[in-house]
Amino acid sequence: MGDRYAPANVNYQVVAVGGPPPMPGDFDRDGAVTAADLAAFLQAWRAGGASADMDADGGVDTADFLGFLDAWTAR
C-alpha cells in the first residue's frame, strides 16, 4: 500500500502582499488627499504626466482635474 504519510511534493512560493490600492488623488500614498497631493497633482497635470490621468482615458485634461477635486472633497 505504500507510505500514506509521506509529505507531498509541493513547491511553496512567497508572494508579497501590499495593502489596499491607493485612493485616487493620494499621490504621496499617506492615506489622505492633502495639500501635498494637490501640489503633486498640479505638477504632474501641468507636465502632462501619466500619473495625472485620474480617469485612465489616456489623456490629461479637465476631466482629470475635476476627478482630483472630487477626491479632494471626499476626504
Protein backbone atom coordinates (compact mmCIF):
# COMPACT_ATOMS: atom_id res chain seq x y z
CA MET A 1 0.00 0.00 0.00
CA GLY A 2 2.93 2.37 0.47
CA ASP A 3 3.59 5.11 2.95
CA ARG A 4 0.37 7.06 3.31
CA TYR A 5 2.01 9.76 5.40
CA ALA A 6 4.81 10.75 3.06
CA PRO A 7 4.88 14.50 2.52
CA ALA A 8 3.56 15.68 -0.80
CA ASN A 9 5.98 17.12 -3.30
CA VAL A 10 4.77 20.71 -3.04
CA ASN A 11 6.63 23.83 -4.08
CA TYR A 12 5.94 26.87 -1.95
CA GLN A 13 6.15 30.40 -3.22
CA VAL A 14 6.23 33.54 -1.10
CA VAL A 15 4.21 36.38 -2.57
CA ALA A 16 4.43 39.92 -1.28
CA VAL A 17 1.03 41.29 -0.42
CA GLY A 18 0.63 45.03 -0.35
CA GLY A 19 -2.08 46.98 1.31
CA PRO A 20 -5.15 48.22 -0.44
CA PRO A 21 -4.62 50.20 -3.61
CA PRO A 22 -4.03 53.88 -3.01
CA MET A 23 -7.09 56.08 -3.12
CA PRO A 24 -7.49 58.27 -6.19
CA GLY A 25 -5.67 61.54 -5.74
CA ASP A 26 -3.35 60.27 -3.00
CA PHE A 27 -0.05 60.91 -4.76
CA ASP A 28 2.17 60.55 -1.69
CA ARG A 29 0.33 57.40 -0.51
CA ASP A 30 -0.16 58.55 3.05
CA GLY A 31 -3.84 57.56 3.10
CA ALA A 32 -5.29 61.04 2.72
CA VAL A 33 -5.70 63.59 -0.06
CA THR A 34 -3.95 66.67 1.29
CA ALA A 35 -2.31 69.89 0.07
CA ALA A 36 0.86 67.90 -0.70
CA ASP A 37 -1.19 65.74 -3.09
CA LEU A 38 -2.64 68.84 -4.70
CA ALA A 39 0.87 70.17 -5.36
CA ALA A 40 2.00 66.82 -6.80
CA PHE A 41 -1.13 66.54 -8.95
CA LEU A 42 -0.80 70.06 -10.34
CA GLN A 43 2.85 69.45 -11.19
CA ALA A 44 2.03 66.18 -12.97
CA TRP A 45 -1.04 67.68 -14.67
CA ARG A 46 0.93 70.67 -15.96
CA ALA A 47 3.66 68.36 -17.29
CA GLY A 48 1.05 66.07 -18.87
CA GLY A 49 2.35 63.10 -16.90
CA ALA A 50 0.53 59.79 -16.85
CA SER A 51 0.16 59.96 -13.06
CA ALA A 52 -2.25 62.89 -13.51
CA ASP A 53 -4.58 60.79 -15.68
CA MET A 54 -7.22 60.31 -12.98
CA ASP A 55 -9.86 58.78 -15.26
CA ALA A 56 -7.41 56.48 -17.10
CA ASP A 57 -8.58 57.57 -20.55
CA GLY A 58 -5.05 58.06 -21.88
CA GLY A 59 -5.14 61.85 -21.83
CA VAL A 60 -4.59 64.54 -19.23
CA ASP A 61 -7.43 67.02 -19.45
CA THR A 62 -10.05 68.95 -17.49
CA ALA A 63 -11.86 65.74 -16.54
CA ASP A 64 -8.75 64.64 -14.64
CA PHE A 65 -8.67 67.92 -12.73
CA LEU A 66 -12.33 67.50 -11.84
CA GLY A 67 -11.61 63.92 -10.76
CA PHE A 68 -8.90 65.17 -8.43
CA LEU A 69 -11.24 67.79 -6.99
CA ASP A 70 -13.79 65.05 -6.37
CA ALA A 71 -11.18 63.02 -4.46
CA TRP A 72 -10.10 66.18 -2.61
CA THR A 73 -13.63 66.98 -1.41
CA ALA A 74 -14.33 63.37 -0.43
CA ARG A 75 -11.55 63.40 2.15
